[in-house]
Amino acid sequence: MAEAELAAPATIEALAEVERVLGQALPEELASLLRECNGVCGHYGTDVVWSAERIAKENALFRASVDFAELYMPFEPLMFFGDNGGGDQFAFVRVPLRDDVFVWDHETDGRIWVANGMDDYLRRVLEDSGDWWRD
């Protein structure tokens, strides 16, 4: 993780607020990481893992958008937690509960498996740059 910048740990209150706002529990791997650092910045300043506050805000915005509801499949099953800096976002599936990480392609509305969990995701995203999941 030499390429990563880590933020200070998230507060217990911030983690609880994510769960309150979204009505879903944080995946344990994500909650554990946020308790250690409230966000991870990777290559070229991309937000590999968002802060707890941004997770709550971005997911709530996506779920409440009338325009998005007309354009895309529902976002409630996903919990976005990071992005590639170009519009695609990384998420855990919450309905049904899965520990895998998926990428949401903002151009196609595709939801594609990319990693076996947070550790696998961090390894992959920090070892490469660009659209590593498309290889």
Protein backbone atom coordinates (compact mmCIF):
# COMPACT_ATOMS: atom_id res chain seq x y z
CA MET A 1 0.00 0.00 0.00
CA ALA A 2 2.91 2.33 -0.61
CA GLU A 3 0.76 4.23 -3.12
CA ALA A 4 -2.09 4.81 -0.66
CA GLU A 5 -2.84 7.72 1.62
CA LEU A 6 -4.87 6.82 4.69
CA ALA A 7 -7.20 9.19 6.53
CA ALA A 8 -7.63 9.27 10.30
CA PRO A 9 -10.02 6.64 11.73
CA ALA A 10 -13.79 7.11 11.40
CA THR A 11 -15.73 7.75 14.57
CA ILE A 12 -18.22 5.25 15.93
CA GLU A 13 -20.88 7.91 15.39
CA ALA A 14 -19.97 8.27 11.69
CA LEU A 15 -20.22 4.52 11.17
CA ALA A 16 -23.59 4.40 12.95
CA GLU A 17 -24.82 7.29 10.79
CA VAL A 18 -24.05 5.36 7.59
CA GLU A 19 -26.15 2.46 8.81
CA ARG A 20 -28.95 4.77 9.96
CA VAL A 21 -29.08 6.74 6.70
CA LEU A 22 -28.95 3.67 4.47
CA GLY A 23 -30.92 1.29 6.66
CA GLN A 24 -28.26 -1.38 6.08
CA ALA A 25 -25.35 -2.67 8.10
CA LEU A 26 -21.89 -1.89 6.81
CA PRO A 27 -20.07 -4.97 5.57
CA GLU A 28 -17.73 -6.02 8.39
CA GLU A 29 -14.61 -5.72 6.21
CA LEU A 30 -15.55 -2.16 5.27
CA ALA A 31 -16.48 -1.20 8.84
CA SER A 32 -13.20 -2.63 10.11
CA LEU A 33 -11.20 -0.64 7.55
CA LEU A 34 -13.08 2.57 8.35
CA ARG A 35 -12.35 2.08 12.06
CA GLU A 36 -8.64 2.10 11.09
CA CYS A 37 -8.82 4.85 8.47
CA ASN A 38 -11.75 6.92 7.26
CA GLY A 39 -10.90 6.65 3.59
CA VAL A 40 -8.10 5.52 1.29
CA CYS A 41 -6.71 7.65 -1.51
CA GLY A 42 -4.89 5.74 -4.26
CA HIS A 43 -3.32 6.41 -7.67
CA TYR A 44 -3.74 9.94 -9.00
CA GLY A 45 -5.87 10.95 -6.02
CA THR A 46 -8.69 8.49 -6.69
CA ASP A 47 -10.90 7.69 -3.73
CA VAL A 48 -10.27 3.96 -3.47
CA VAL A 49 -12.37 3.89 -0.28
CA TRP A 50 -14.59 6.83 0.62
CA SER A 51 -14.99 8.25 4.09
CA ALA A 52 -17.97 7.04 6.13
CA GLU A 53 -19.62 10.42 5.61
CA ARG A 54 -19.23 10.19 1.83
CA ILE A 55 -20.53 6.60 1.78
CA ALA A 56 -23.73 7.78 3.49
CA LYS A 57 -24.09 10.87 1.29
CA GLU A 58 -23.38 9.29 -2.12
CA ASN A 59 -25.52 6.21 -1.55
CA ALA A 60 -28.43 8.30 -0.26
CA LEU A 61 -28.21 10.60 -3.31
CA PHE A 62 -28.15 7.70 -5.77
CA ARG A 63 -31.09 5.99 -4.08
CA ALA A 64 -33.22 9.16 -3.92
CA SER A 65 -32.62 10.41 -7.47
CA VAL A 66 -35.77 10.30 -9.60
CA ASP A 67 -33.64 10.64 -12.74
CA PHE A 68 -31.46 7.69 -11.75
CA ALA A 69 -34.57 5.61 -11.01
CA GLU A 70 -35.65 6.12 -14.62
CA LEU A 71 -32.21 5.41 -16.10
CA TYR A 72 -30.75 2.61 -13.98
CA MET A 73 -31.59 -0.57 -12.13
CA PRO A 74 -32.25 0.03 -8.39
CA PHE A 75 -29.29 1.04 -6.24
CA GLU A 76 -30.69 -0.17 -2.90
CA PRO A 77 -29.04 -3.61 -3.28
CA LEU A 78 -25.62 -1.93 -3.55
CA MET A 79 -23.52 -0.02 -1.03
CA PHE A 80 -21.02 2.11 -2.94
CA PHE A 81 -17.76 2.79 -1.12
CA GLY A 82 -15.22 4.00 -3.70
CA ASP A 83 -14.67 5.02 -7.31
CA ASN A 84 -12.14 5.02 -10.11
CA GLY A 85 -12.21 8.78 -10.70
CA GLY A 86 -13.97 8.33 -14.06
CA GLY A 87 -17.55 7.65 -12.99
CA ASP A 88 -17.45 3.93 -12.23
CA GLN A 89 -18.05 3.03 -8.59
CA PHE A 90 -17.20 0.06 -6.38
CA ALA A 91 -19.78 -1.55 -4.13
CA PHE A 92 -20.72 -4.40 -1.87
CA VAL A 93 -23.99 -6.14 -2.64
CA ARG A 94 -26.26 -5.85 0.40
CA VAL A 95 -29.35 -7.59 -1.04
CA PRO A 96 -28.65 -10.46 -0.98
CA LEU A 97 -25.69 -10.09 1.40
CA ARG A 98 -22.38 -10.75 -0.33
CA ASP A 99 -18.78 -10.15 0.71
CA ASP A 100 -17.66 -9.74 -2.90
CA VAL A 101 -16.89 -6.37 -4.46
CA PHE A 102 -18.57 -5.30 -7.69
CA VAL A 103 -18.03 -2.34 -9.99
CA TRP A 104 -20.95 -0.35 -11.32
CA ASP A 105 -20.29 0.85 -14.88
CA HIS A 106 -21.91 4.27 -15.16
CA GLU A 107 -22.20 4.04 -18.96
CA THR A 108 -23.88 0.61 -19.22
CA ASP A 109 -25.40 0.21 -15.73
CA GLY A 110 -23.49 -3.07 -15.58
CA ARG A 111 -22.66 -4.55 -12.20
CA ILE A 112 -19.53 -6.67 -12.58
CA TRP A 113 -17.72 -8.83 -10.01
CA VAL A 114 -14.16 -7.59 -9.39
CA ALA A 115 -12.86 -8.95 -6.05
CA ASN A 116 -13.43 -11.56 -3.34
CA GLY A 117 -13.73 -8.94 -0.60
CA MET A 118 -12.10 -5.78 0.72
CA ASP A 119 -8.57 -7.22 1.08
CA ASP A 120 -8.65 -8.59 -2.47
CA TYR A 121 -10.09 -5.30 -3.77
CA LEU A 122 -7.42 -3.19 -2.06
CA ARG A 123 -4.65 -5.42 -3.37
CA ARG A 124 -5.97 -5.24 -6.92
CA VAL A 125 -6.75 -1.52 -7.00
CA LEU A 126 -3.48 -0.44 -5.38
CA GLU A 127 -1.28 -2.71 -7.51
CA ASP A 128 -2.68 -1.34 -10.76
CA SER A 129 -4.09 1.85 -12.15
CA GLY A 130 -6.75 2.68 -14.65
CA ASP A 131 -9.53 0.25 -15.39
CA TRP A 132 -7.78 -2.80 -13.90
CA TRP A 133 -11.03 -4.82 -13.67
CA ARG A 134 -11.48 -4.74 -17.45
CA ASP A 135 -8.28 -6.69 -18.13
